[in-house]
Amino acid sequence: MKKVFLLFFLLFSVYHHAQILTLDDLEGKELHNSIRLNYILIHQPFSEVGYQLDPTMGFIGLNYNFPLNDWLYTGAGFHTAITGDQGGLFTLGINLGVNKKIYKNLYFDANLHFGGGGGFRSLVNGGGIMYPNIGLQFKKNGFSFGAQYGYMNFFTGIQKNDNISFFIEIPTLVRTSSYKNAQKTFIVGDNLTDEFWQKPAVKSVQQLTFDYFFPIGMSRADITTNPPYKPLRETLSILGFEYQRYLTPDTFVYVHADAMYAGLVSGFMDLFFGVGKNFIETKYINFFAKMGIGAAGGRIYPEGGLTMYPNAGFDVRLTNHLGVSVHGGYHRAIGGTFEAYTAGFSLKYYGLSGGVKDPFTGKTASKIKTRGIGIGVQNQTYFDVAKDAGPNVDLQMIALKILYDLNKRFYFVGEASFAYEGKSGGYAHGIFGLGIRSNPIFNNRVSTFVELLGGVAGGAGVDTGEGILVRPNIGINYHINDNLKFNIAAGSASTPYGKVNSTNLNIGFTYSLSILNAKK
């Protein structure tokens, strides 16, 4: 009997040892992506409308692109108005572009942007955008700037114009692995020979924010209120998301987006870029201040959109990866009348990804956990959507989805979607929730999934009430390869405080990969 136990122990030890993985077992890949910030000056059809309209609008864009090969790239981008009187005009779209070297540091660049969005429906109607452009780019040490000639065409409406745009591009490097390596743990040993992963990680924070805006001063609502442009004193309830990336141990840059879900008829949004600093930082508590600049609007008095947003508060760290934040600030339209004091709280996730070393202390992690990340693009069709006035409509929407695996079965999902057809340009939603997927079947080619999402929706006269939207859906993935999936899903979208009760059909693709999360 003792020999049997000894044999069993030896077999178990061999098996257990075989499951120990080191980073030498993980094949990596570098993605040389880029962030493109552009500025477009668009002449407006002010002579074709029956109300006062500034002759030009300043439009800024935030685009994230990644190469498909050495001359072709794709990506996604947001655009928003900052000058003129169309504050609240936001768009979302996808890019496909060509970038070829001409001579030394000079490159030819051309791309096509397709998406949806809007502000004044009389200008954009359904909200569809087609923006082809062509130009030159100068690159030096990865950074670049350029100028392009383009034609901004809201093809469902009358807002269209040729223009000159300018952009700057900032390189980003992401170290990843195939999605098949997701949800595994790798030991970081002293004898690690693979130099690919022996790099500093990226320190970042993602947070879900719940804020309240308290309008003051000359703040006014839009023309749909009774009386038109009445003083705005309602408390606005705001749901948002923020991504922070640290440049030094206590300084970070960030991007932040919000949407309103209570206080007025839905439709108010904002988007900010900024910089922040931690002034007092202990093991569990951190005091910070931030300054953001960006755009805001919708359901308020027509303004240019350019907005500043200083903010300060403190964090309480609950674990190595989770924390809560309490903060307050001042939201002010530059050159406009809207202003508000703000207060709120956030749920925070702290991460070190893409390497084995802390970028600032140099401390090496003891082990690495790979997490699966998916980026999806969908065309979404919503049938028989209720409007505040007039008949119901069918909406065509373009959506960007982010999937973050919690384990092999469950995942967190966030989604932004903007209308491009259906006489509802300017309607959008931002929703998030949980999903569950099955194991692949039929030679690992097919899997099923169920998602339950909720969040904020509104704009363009779609009857969402104050903006709460709930959308469960069920779907099928077809696995083209380890990383790329085609998917189709159906579900139901409803608004508890509005009249929207619509079935929907969603078709798209998801590209998945693995990223490294360092563990101390």
Protein backbone atom coordinates (compact mmCIF):
# COMPACT_ATOMS: atom_id res chain seq x y z
CA MET A 1 0.00 0.00 0.00
CA LYS A 2 2.84 2.38 0.81
CA LYS A 3 4.30 1.75 -2.66
CA VAL A 4 0.92 2.62 -4.24
CA PHE A 5 0.76 5.91 -2.32
CA LEU A 6 4.36 6.70 -3.22
CA LEU A 7 3.67 6.02 -6.90
CA PHE A 8 0.55 8.22 -6.79
CA PHE A 9 2.53 11.03 -5.10
CA LEU A 10 5.28 10.88 -7.73
CA LEU A 11 2.79 10.92 -10.60
CA PHE A 12 0.96 13.90 -9.06
CA SER A 13 4.24 15.74 -8.54
CA VAL A 14 5.26 15.20 -12.17
CA TYR A 15 1.83 16.35 -13.39
CA HIS A 16 1.84 19.40 -11.12
CA HIS A 17 5.35 20.33 -12.21
CA ALA A 18 4.27 20.08 -15.85
CA GLN A 19 1.63 22.75 -15.25
CA ILE A 20 4.14 25.37 -14.04
CA LEU A 21 4.62 27.94 -16.80
CA THR A 22 7.29 30.62 -17.07
CA LEU A 23 7.39 33.65 -19.33
CA ASP A 24 9.80 31.74 -21.57
CA ASP A 25 6.70 29.70 -22.54
CA LEU A 26 4.74 32.79 -23.64
CA GLU A 27 5.21 34.05 -27.20
CA GLY A 28 4.76 37.80 -27.46
CA LYS A 29 3.92 40.34 -30.13
CA GLU A 30 4.43 44.11 -30.26
CA LEU A 31 1.62 46.30 -31.63
CA HIS A 32 2.90 49.68 -32.83
CA ASN A 33 -0.34 51.66 -32.62
CA SER A 34 -0.96 55.41 -32.66
CA ILE A 35 -3.22 58.08 -31.20
CA ARG A 36 -4.21 60.74 -33.74
CA LEU A 37 -5.64 64.10 -32.62
CA ASN A 38 -7.08 66.18 -35.44
CA TYR A 39 -8.73 69.57 -35.89
CA ILE A 40 -11.20 70.27 -38.70
CA LEU A 41 -12.81 73.63 -39.55
CA ILE A 42 -16.17 73.03 -41.25
CA HIS A 43 -18.27 75.68 -43.00
CA GLN A 44 -21.94 75.42 -42.07
CA PRO A 45 -25.07 75.59 -44.29
CA PHE A 46 -26.26 78.68 -42.40
CA SER A 47 -28.07 80.04 -45.47
CA GLU A 48 -30.17 76.85 -45.79
CA VAL A 49 -31.74 76.77 -42.33
CA GLY A 50 -34.41 78.89 -40.76
CA TYR A 51 -32.57 79.80 -37.57
CA GLN A 52 -29.37 81.53 -36.46
CA LEU A 53 -26.29 79.40 -37.11
CA ASP A 54 -22.61 80.33 -36.91
CA PRO A 55 -20.92 80.11 -40.34
CA THR A 56 -18.15 77.73 -39.18
CA MET A 57 -17.73 74.92 -36.68
CA GLY A 58 -14.49 73.70 -35.12
CA PHE A 59 -14.39 69.89 -34.93
CA ILE A 60 -11.77 67.90 -32.99
CA GLY A 61 -11.12 64.18 -33.18
CA LEU A 62 -9.54 61.45 -31.06
CA ASN A 63 -8.60 58.41 -33.19
CA TYR A 64 -6.84 55.20 -32.15
CA ASN A 65 -5.31 53.36 -35.12
CA PHE A 66 -3.34 50.12 -35.48
CA PRO A 67 -1.53 48.72 -38.53
CA LEU A 68 -2.81 45.77 -40.56
CA ASN A 69 0.49 45.61 -42.46
CA ASP A 70 3.33 48.03 -43.29
CA TRP A 71 1.08 50.35 -45.36
CA LEU A 72 -2.56 49.70 -44.33
CA TYR A 73 -4.17 50.64 -40.99
CA THR A 74 -7.56 50.65 -39.33
CA GLY A 75 -9.01 52.02 -36.10
CA ALA A 76 -11.85 53.95 -34.47
CA GLY A 77 -12.42 57.54 -33.49
CA PHE A 78 -14.62 60.09 -31.73
CA HIS A 79 -15.24 63.63 -32.98
CA THR A 80 -16.91 66.54 -31.23
CA ALA A 81 -17.62 70.25 -31.77
CA ILE A 82 -15.69 72.86 -29.77
CA THR A 83 -16.48 76.12 -31.65
CA GLY A 84 -19.51 77.43 -33.52
CA ASP A 85 -22.82 76.85 -31.79
CA GLN A 86 -23.10 73.06 -31.97
CA GLY A 87 -21.84 72.01 -28.57
CA GLY A 88 -23.21 68.52 -28.03
CA LEU A 89 -22.36 67.26 -31.52
CA PHE A 90 -20.56 63.95 -30.94
CA THR A 91 -19.75 61.21 -33.44
CA LEU A 92 -18.30 57.69 -33.42
CA GLY A 93 -16.82 55.92 -36.43
CA ILE A 94 -14.28 53.49 -37.85
CA ASN A 95 -11.21 54.24 -40.00
CA LEU A 96 -9.45 52.52 -42.88
CA GLY A 97 -6.30 54.19 -44.18
CA VAL A 98 -3.16 53.99 -46.28
CA ASN A 99 0.23 55.30 -45.13
CA LYS A 100 3.21 55.10 -47.53
CA LYS A 101 6.69 56.60 -47.38
CA ILE A 102 7.43 59.13 -50.12
CA TYR A 103 10.88 60.44 -49.23
CA LYS A 104 12.89 60.20 -45.98
CA ASN A 105 10.51 61.43 -43.22
CA LEU A 106 7.67 62.45 -45.56
CA TYR A 107 4.69 60.10 -45.95
CA PHE A 108 1.51 59.97 -48.00
CA ASP A 109 -1.58 59.43 -45.83
CA ALA A 110 -5.19 58.89 -46.91
CA ASN A 111 -8.11 57.42 -45.01
CA LEU A 112 -11.86 56.98 -44.95
CA HIS A 113 -13.87 57.52 -41.78
CA PHE A 114 -17.42 56.10 -41.56
CA GLY A 115 -19.70 56.56 -38.58
CA GLY A 116 -22.70 58.22 -37.02
CA GLY A 117 -23.62 61.03 -34.68
CA GLY A 118 -25.01 64.52 -34.66
CA GLY A 119 -26.28 67.60 -32.91
CA PHE A 120 -28.98 69.61 -34.71
CA ARG A 121 -31.13 66.98 -36.47
CA SER A 122 -32.18 69.52 -39.11
CA LEU A 123 -28.52 69.45 -40.29
CA VAL A 124 -27.59 65.76 -39.98
CA ASN A 125 -31.00 64.00 -40.15
CA GLY A 126 -30.08 60.31 -39.68
CA GLY A 127 -26.53 61.11 -38.53
CA GLY A 128 -24.49 59.10 -41.05
CA ILE A 129 -20.95 60.39 -41.76
CA MET A 130 -18.59 59.68 -44.61
CA TYR A 131 -15.26 61.52 -44.34
CA PRO A 132 -12.60 60.74 -46.97
CA ASN A 133 -9.35 62.71 -46.80
CA ILE A 134 -5.89 62.73 -48.33
CA GLY A 135 -2.67 64.50 -47.33
CA LEU A 136 0.94 64.45 -46.16
CA GLN A 137 2.55 63.41 -42.90
CA PHE A 138 5.99 64.18 -41.44
CA LYS A 139 7.41 61.59 -39.02
CA LYS A 140 10.32 61.94 -36.63
CA ASN A 141 11.19 59.51 -33.81
CA GLY A 142 7.72 57.99 -33.97
CA PHE A 143 5.89 61.28 -33.45
CA SER A 144 4.34 63.00 -36.44
CA PHE A 145 2.13 65.79 -37.70
CA GLY A 146 0.33 66.37 -40.97
CA ALA A 147 -2.30 68.18 -43.02
CA GLN A 148 -5.09 66.74 -45.13
CA TYR A 149 -7.76 67.82 -47.58
CA GLY A 150 -11.11 66.16 -46.93
CA TYR A 151 -14.85 66.25 -47.39
CA MET A 152 -16.94 65.98 -44.22
CA ASN A 153 -20.24 64.59 -45.45
CA PHE A 154 -23.21 63.96 -43.15
CA PHE A 155 -24.76 62.11 -46.07
CA THR A 156 -28.19 61.80 -44.44
CA GLY A 157 -28.55 65.58 -44.05
CA ILE A 158 -27.42 68.96 -45.42
CA GLN A 159 -24.28 69.42 -43.30
CA LYS A 160 -21.38 68.74 -45.70
CA ASN A 161 -18.30 70.67 -46.72
CA ASP A 162 -14.77 70.25 -48.09
CA ASN A 163 -12.07 71.35 -45.67
CA ILE A 164 -8.44 71.35 -44.58
CA SER A 165 -7.59 69.50 -41.38
CA PHE A 166 -4.45 69.27 -39.25
CA PHE A 167 -3.33 66.43 -36.99
CA ILE A 168 -0.64 65.26 -34.63
CA GLU A 169 0.08 61.58 -33.97
CA ILE A 170 1.51 60.00 -30.84
CA PRO A 171 2.96 56.46 -30.99
CA THR A 172 1.91 53.76 -28.53
CA LEU A 173 3.48 50.36 -27.99
CA VAL A 174 1.40 47.44 -26.71
CA ARG A 175 3.00 44.08 -25.88
CA THR A 176 0.47 41.27 -26.27
CA SER A 177 0.11 37.57 -26.92
CA SER A 178 -2.40 35.38 -28.74
CA TYR A 179 -5.85 35.10 -27.18
CA LYS A 180 -5.34 31.35 -26.76
CA ASN A 181 -2.89 32.21 -23.94
CA ALA A 182 -5.49 34.17 -21.94
CA GLN A 183 -6.30 33.37 -18.31
CA LYS A 184 -3.00 31.67 -17.53
CA THR A 185 -0.47 32.34 -14.78
CA PHE A 186 3.25 32.53 -15.55
CA ILE A 187 6.06 32.50 -13.02
CA VAL A 188 8.69 35.24 -13.35
CA GLY A 189 11.88 33.43 -12.38
CA ASP A 190 15.40 34.78 -11.86
CA ASN A 191 16.63 32.76 -14.84
CA LEU A 192 14.19 34.30 -17.37
CA THR A 193 15.94 34.27 -20.78
CA ASP A 194 13.24 35.79 -23.02
CA GLU A 195 14.04 39.52 -23.20
CA PHE A 196 10.68 40.39 -24.79
CA TRP A 197 8.82 40.57 -21.48
CA GLN A 198 11.69 42.01 -19.43
CA LYS A 199 10.36 45.53 -19.92
CA PRO A 200 8.64 48.04 -17.64
CA ALA A 201 4.89 47.61 -17.40
CA VAL A 202 2.38 50.40 -18.03
CA LYS A 203 0.76 51.80 -14.90
CA SER A 204 -2.87 52.66 -15.55
CA VAL A 205 -6.20 53.24 -13.83
CA GLN A 206 -9.68 52.61 -15.20
CA GLN A 207 -12.65 53.98 -13.32
CA LEU A 208 -16.43 54.08 -13.51
CA THR A 209 -17.70 57.45 -12.26
CA PHE A 210 -21.03 58.56 -10.78
CA ASP A 211 -21.32 62.34 -10.66
CA TYR A 212 -23.89 65.03 -9.93
CA PHE A 213 -23.83 68.41 -11.67
CA PHE A 214 -25.38 71.41 -9.88
CA PRO A 215 -25.91 74.17 -12.51
CA ILE A 216 -25.36 77.77 -11.42
CA GLY A 217 -25.10 81.27 -12.90
CA MET A 218 -26.50 81.82 -16.40
CA SER A 219 -26.94 78.11 -17.19
CA ARG A 220 -29.96 77.57 -19.44
CA ALA A 221 -31.78 74.58 -20.90
CA ASP A 222 -32.40 74.22 -24.64
CA ILE A 223 -35.37 75.32 -26.76
CA THR A 224 -37.38 72.15 -26.03
CA THR A 225 -38.13 73.32 -22.47
CA ASN A 226 -41.12 75.40 -21.44
CA PRO A 227 -40.45 78.29 -21.59
CA PRO A 228 -37.64 77.91 -24.17
CA TYR A 229 -34.13 78.47 -22.78
CA LYS A 230 -35.37 78.61 -19.19
CA PRO A 231 -32.77 78.90 -16.38
CA LEU A 232 -31.29 75.49 -15.61
CA ARG A 233 -31.35 74.55 -11.92
CA GLU A 234 -32.12 70.82 -12.07
CA THR A 235 -29.47 68.49 -10.63
CA LEU A 236 -28.00 66.40 -13.47
CA SER A 237 -27.09 62.78 -12.72
CA ILE A 238 -24.04 61.72 -14.75
CA LEU A 239 -22.49 58.32 -15.52
CA GLY A 240 -18.95 58.22 -16.95
CA PHE A 241 -15.77 56.30 -17.66
CA GLU A 242 -12.14 57.42 -17.31
CA TYR A 243 -8.79 55.94 -18.35
CA GLN A 244 -5.56 57.21 -16.75
CA ARG A 245 -1.99 56.45 -17.80
CA TYR A 246 0.91 57.39 -15.55
CA LEU A 247 3.89 59.28 -16.99
CA THR A 248 5.75 59.59 -13.67
CA PRO A 249 5.09 58.05 -10.23
CA ASP A 250 2.60 60.83 -9.43
CA THR A 251 1.60 62.43 -12.76
CA PHE A 252 -0.86 61.00 -15.27
CA VAL A 253 -2.77 61.89 -18.42
CA TYR A 254 -6.37 60.83 -18.89
CA VAL A 255 -9.40 60.70 -21.15
CA HIS A 256 -12.89 60.95 -19.68
CA ALA A 257 -16.43 60.66 -21.13
CA ASP A 258 -19.83 61.25 -19.48
CA ALA A 259 -23.52 60.97 -20.31
CA MET A 260 -26.56 62.18 -18.35
CA TYR A 261 -29.22 59.74 -17.12
CA ALA A 262 -31.45 61.95 -14.94
CA GLY A 263 -32.30 65.62 -14.41
CA LEU A 264 -33.41 66.57 -17.94
CA VAL A 265 -34.63 64.82 -21.04
CA SER A 266 -31.63 62.69 -22.04
CA GLY A 267 -29.00 63.99 -24.46
CA PHE A 268 -26.22 65.75 -22.49
CA MET A 269 -22.67 64.36 -23.02
CA ASP A 270 -19.07 65.42 -22.52
CA LEU A 271 -15.55 64.28 -23.49
CA PHE A 272 -12.31 65.49 -21.86
CA PHE A 273 -8.55 65.09 -22.12
CA GLY A 274 -6.39 66.19 -19.24
CA VAL A 275 -3.53 65.82 -16.81
CA GLY A 276 -3.56 65.00 -13.11
CA LYS A 277 -1.19 64.81 -10.17
CA ASN A 278 -1.16 62.94 -6.87
CA PHE A 279 -0.05 65.35 -4.13
CA ILE A 280 -0.23 63.23 -1.00
CA GLU A 281 0.05 59.47 -1.43
CA THR A 282 0.18 56.78 1.26
CA LYS A 283 -0.35 53.04 1.08
CA TYR A 284 -4.14 53.37 1.29
CA ILE A 285 -5.07 57.04 0.71
CA ASN A 286 -4.18 59.37 -2.13
CA PHE A 287 -5.12 63.05 -2.67
CA PHE A 288 -5.17 64.28 -6.28
CA ALA A 289 -6.04 67.21 -8.54
CA LYS A 290 -6.86 67.16 -12.26
CA MET A 291 -7.44 69.62 -15.07
CA GLY A 292 -9.40 68.63 -18.17
CA ILE A 293 -10.23 70.39 -21.40
CA GLY A 294 -12.74 69.10 -23.91
CA ALA A 295 -16.29 69.48 -25.13
CA ALA A 296 -19.80 69.22 -23.70
CA GLY A 297 -23.37 69.89 -24.73
CA GLY A 298 -26.82 68.61 -25.49
CA ARG A 299 -30.10 69.76 -23.90
CA ILE A 300 -28.50 73.06 -22.88
CA TYR A 301 -28.42 76.49 -24.54
CA PRO A 302 -26.59 76.26 -27.93
CA GLU A 303 -22.89 76.93 -27.34
CA GLY A 304 -19.58 76.17 -28.99
CA GLY A 305 -18.89 73.10 -26.87
CA LEU A 306 -15.39 73.94 -25.59
CA THR A 307 -15.38 73.22 -21.84
CA MET A 308 -12.93 73.08 -18.95
CA TYR A 309 -13.25 70.78 -15.95
CA PRO A 310 -10.89 71.13 -12.94
CA ASN A 311 -11.41 68.44 -10.33
CA ALA A 312 -9.92 67.30 -7.00
CA GLY A 313 -10.50 64.54 -4.49
CA PHE A 314 -9.06 61.53 -2.72
CA ASP A 315 -8.82 57.77 -3.29
CA VAL A 316 -9.08 54.94 -0.80
CA ARG A 317 -7.28 51.80 -1.97
CA LEU A 318 -9.11 48.62 -0.91
CA THR A 319 -6.83 46.00 -2.51
CA ASN A 320 -3.84 45.98 -4.87
CA HIS A 321 -6.24 46.39 -7.80
CA LEU A 322 -9.46 47.96 -6.45
CA GLY A 323 -10.31 51.29 -4.85
CA VAL A 324 -12.95 54.00 -4.45
CA SER A 325 -12.68 57.73 -5.04
CA VAL A 326 -14.59 60.79 -3.83
CA HIS A 327 -14.21 64.02 -5.80
CA GLY A 328 -15.64 67.44 -6.62
CA GLY A 329 -15.07 69.96 -9.38
CA TYR A 330 -16.22 72.86 -11.54
CA HIS A 331 -17.63 72.27 -15.05
CA ARG A 332 -17.54 75.44 -17.19
CA ALA A 333 -18.27 76.19 -20.85
CA ILE A 334 -15.52 78.43 -22.29
CA GLY A 335 -17.22 81.27 -24.12
CA GLY A 336 -20.66 79.93 -23.14
CA THR A 337 -23.07 80.21 -20.24
CA PHE A 338 -23.28 76.68 -18.80
CA GLU A 339 -21.46 76.17 -15.50
CA ALA A 340 -21.94 73.76 -12.64
CA TYR A 341 -20.37 72.57 -9.44
CA THR A 342 -19.86 68.81 -9.44
CA ALA A 343 -19.54 66.06 -6.83
CA GLY A 344 -19.38 62.32 -7.08
CA PHE A 345 -17.56 59.05 -6.52
CA SER A 346 -15.75 56.44 -8.62
CA LEU A 347 -14.99 52.73 -8.60
CA LYS A 348 -11.33 52.27 -9.62
CA TYR A 349 -9.20 49.46 -11.02
CA TYR A 350 -5.39 49.78 -10.79
CA GLY A 351 -3.27 47.84 -13.25
CA LEU A 352 0.31 47.11 -14.32
CA SER A 353 0.25 45.62 -17.81
CA GLY A 354 2.60 44.68 -20.66
CA GLY A 355 5.75 43.93 -18.67
CA VAL A 356 7.20 42.39 -15.53
CA LYS A 357 8.66 45.47 -13.83
CA ASP A 358 7.05 48.41 -12.09
CA PRO A 359 7.86 51.36 -14.43
CA PHE A 360 8.90 53.63 -11.58
CA THR A 361 10.25 51.47 -8.73
CA GLY A 362 11.86 48.85 -10.98
CA LYS A 363 10.49 46.08 -8.76
CA THR A 364 9.92 42.82 -10.65
CA ALA A 365 6.62 40.99 -10.26
CA SER A 366 6.69 37.43 -8.91
CA LYS A 367 4.13 36.19 -11.42
CA ILE A 368 2.07 37.34 -14.39
CA LYS A 369 -1.59 36.66 -15.14
CA THR A 370 -2.72 36.98 -18.76
CA ARG A 371 -6.12 38.59 -19.31
CA GLY A 372 -8.21 38.32 -22.44
CA ILE A 373 -9.27 41.58 -24.10
CA GLY A 374 -11.65 41.86 -27.05
CA ILE A 375 -12.32 44.85 -29.31
CA GLY A 376 -15.51 44.61 -31.35
CA VAL A 377 -17.24 46.62 -34.07
CA GLN A 378 -20.92 46.02 -34.87
CA ASN A 379 -23.72 47.24 -37.07
CA GLN A 380 -26.81 47.34 -34.87
CA THR A 381 -30.41 47.51 -36.09
CA TYR A 382 -33.11 48.59 -33.63
CA PHE A 383 -36.68 48.00 -34.83
CA ASP A 384 -39.73 50.16 -34.14
CA VAL A 385 -38.04 52.67 -31.81
CA ALA A 386 -40.38 55.14 -30.07
CA LYS A 387 -39.91 58.89 -30.66
CA ASP A 388 -41.12 61.84 -28.58
CA ALA A 389 -43.13 63.05 -31.58
CA GLY A 390 -44.00 61.41 -34.88
CA PRO A 391 -44.02 57.74 -35.89
CA ASN A 392 -41.67 55.07 -34.61
CA VAL A 393 -38.48 54.48 -36.61
CA ASP A 394 -35.95 51.75 -37.35
CA LEU A 395 -32.42 52.79 -36.34
CA GLN A 396 -29.11 51.74 -37.88
CA MET A 397 -26.24 52.24 -35.42
CA ILE A 398 -22.49 51.73 -35.39
CA ALA A 399 -21.08 50.33 -32.15
CA LEU A 400 -17.67 49.92 -30.54
CA LYS A 401 -17.40 47.20 -27.85
CA ILE A 402 -14.69 46.37 -25.30
CA LEU A 403 -14.70 42.93 -23.65
CA TYR A 404 -12.55 42.19 -20.58
CA ASP A 405 -12.38 38.58 -19.43
CA LEU A 406 -12.93 37.91 -15.74
CA ASN A 407 -12.24 34.20 -16.28
CA LYS A 408 -12.70 31.65 -19.06
CA ARG A 409 -16.48 31.89 -18.83
CA PHE A 410 -17.48 35.38 -17.62
CA TYR A 411 -16.47 38.76 -19.00
CA PHE A 412 -17.15 42.45 -18.48
CA VAL A 413 -18.37 44.37 -21.54
CA GLY A 414 -18.72 48.08 -22.33
CA GLU A 415 -20.30 49.51 -25.46
CA ALA A 416 -20.77 52.89 -27.18
CA SER A 417 -23.15 53.11 -30.12
CA PHE A 418 -24.26 56.04 -32.35
CA ALA A 419 -27.11 56.23 -34.87
CA TYR A 420 -26.32 56.78 -38.56
CA GLU A 421 -29.73 56.07 -40.17
CA GLY A 422 -33.32 56.48 -39.00
CA LYS A 423 -33.86 60.26 -38.79
CA SER A 424 -32.26 60.27 -35.34
CA GLY A 425 -28.75 61.70 -35.80
CA GLY A 426 -27.41 62.50 -32.35
CA TYR A 427 -28.97 59.48 -30.63
CA ALA A 428 -26.37 57.40 -28.79
CA HIS A 429 -26.00 55.04 -25.88
CA GLY A 430 -23.23 54.03 -23.50
CA ILE A 431 -23.91 50.74 -21.72
CA PHE A 432 -21.96 48.15 -19.75
CA GLY A 433 -22.55 44.87 -17.98
CA LEU A 434 -21.66 41.19 -17.80
CA GLY A 435 -21.50 38.40 -20.35
CA ILE A 436 -21.17 34.63 -20.20
CA ARG A 437 -19.91 32.43 -23.05
CA SER A 438 -19.98 28.71 -23.76
CA ASN A 439 -17.06 26.47 -24.63
CA PRO A 440 -16.43 26.28 -28.39
CA ILE A 441 -18.04 23.35 -30.22
CA PHE A 442 -18.02 22.01 -33.80
CA ASN A 443 -14.25 21.66 -34.03
CA ASN A 444 -13.78 24.74 -31.81
CA ARG A 445 -15.43 26.97 -34.42
CA VAL A 446 -18.72 27.99 -32.74
CA SER A 447 -19.58 29.35 -29.29
CA THR A 448 -22.65 31.03 -27.82
CA PHE A 449 -22.97 33.95 -25.41
CA VAL A 450 -25.49 35.85 -23.29
CA GLU A 451 -25.03 39.48 -22.20
CA LEU A 452 -26.98 41.70 -19.80
CA LEU A 453 -26.15 45.38 -20.30
CA GLY A 454 -27.50 48.64 -18.94
CA GLY A 455 -26.55 52.31 -18.98
CA VAL A 456 -27.44 55.64 -20.52
CA ALA A 457 -29.12 56.49 -23.84
CA GLY A 458 -30.71 59.52 -25.44
CA GLY A 459 -30.79 62.34 -27.94
CA ALA A 460 -32.51 63.08 -31.26
CA GLY A 461 -36.03 62.85 -29.86
CA VAL A 462 -35.84 59.12 -29.10
CA ASP A 463 -38.20 58.57 -26.17
CA THR A 464 -35.78 57.26 -23.55
CA GLY A 465 -37.20 59.49 -20.81
CA GLU A 466 -34.31 60.56 -18.60
CA GLY A 467 -32.04 58.06 -20.28
CA ILE A 468 -31.81 54.70 -18.48
CA LEU A 469 -31.52 51.82 -20.99
CA VAL A 470 -31.49 48.04 -20.34
CA ARG A 471 -30.50 45.58 -23.09
CA PRO A 472 -30.17 41.79 -22.69
CA ASN A 473 -29.06 39.86 -25.77
CA ILE A 474 -28.04 36.38 -26.87
CA GLY A 475 -25.70 35.49 -29.73
CA ILE A 476 -23.33 33.19 -31.58
CA ASN A 477 -19.59 33.56 -32.30
CA TYR A 478 -17.93 31.95 -35.31
CA HIS A 479 -14.20 31.62 -34.57
CA ILE A 480 -12.28 32.47 -37.75
CA ASN A 481 -8.96 31.90 -35.96
CA ASP A 482 -7.56 32.16 -32.42
CA ASN A 483 -8.01 35.93 -32.32
CA LEU A 484 -10.79 36.90 -34.74
CA LYS A 485 -14.49 36.10 -34.36
CA PHE A 486 -17.57 36.90 -36.43
CA ASN A 487 -20.65 37.38 -34.25
CA ILE A 488 -24.39 37.83 -34.56
CA ALA A 489 -26.74 38.59 -31.66
CA ALA A 490 -30.37 39.47 -31.00
CA GLY A 491 -31.93 41.13 -28.00
CA SER A 492 -34.36 43.63 -26.58
CA ALA A 493 -33.73 47.27 -25.58
CA SER A 494 -36.08 49.03 -23.17
CA THR A 495 -36.16 52.24 -21.14
CA PRO A 496 -37.87 52.11 -17.71
CA TYR A 497 -38.64 55.86 -17.81
CA GLY A 498 -39.36 56.13 -21.54
CA LYS A 499 -41.33 54.37 -24.25
CA VAL A 500 -38.52 52.57 -26.06
CA ASN A 501 -39.19 48.82 -26.23
CA SER A 502 -37.31 47.60 -29.27
CA THR A 503 -35.90 44.32 -30.55
CA ASN A 504 -32.42 44.55 -32.05
CA LEU A 505 -30.11 42.60 -34.35
CA ASN A 506 -26.34 43.08 -34.06
CA ILE A 507 -23.73 41.82 -36.56
CA GLY A 508 -19.97 42.39 -36.34
CA PHE A 509 -16.44 41.21 -35.64
CA THR A 510 -14.36 40.93 -32.46
CA TYR A 511 -10.56 40.87 -32.36
CA SER A 512 -9.19 39.38 -29.13
CA LEU A 513 -5.72 39.19 -27.60
CA SER A 514 -3.99 38.63 -24.27
CA ILE A 515 -2.38 41.30 -22.13
CA LEU A 516 -0.15 40.83 -19.10
CA ASN A 517 -1.18 41.90 -15.61
CA ALA A 518 1.71 41.96 -13.16
CA LYS A 519 1.14 40.50 -9.70
CA LYS A 520 3.32 41.41 -6.75
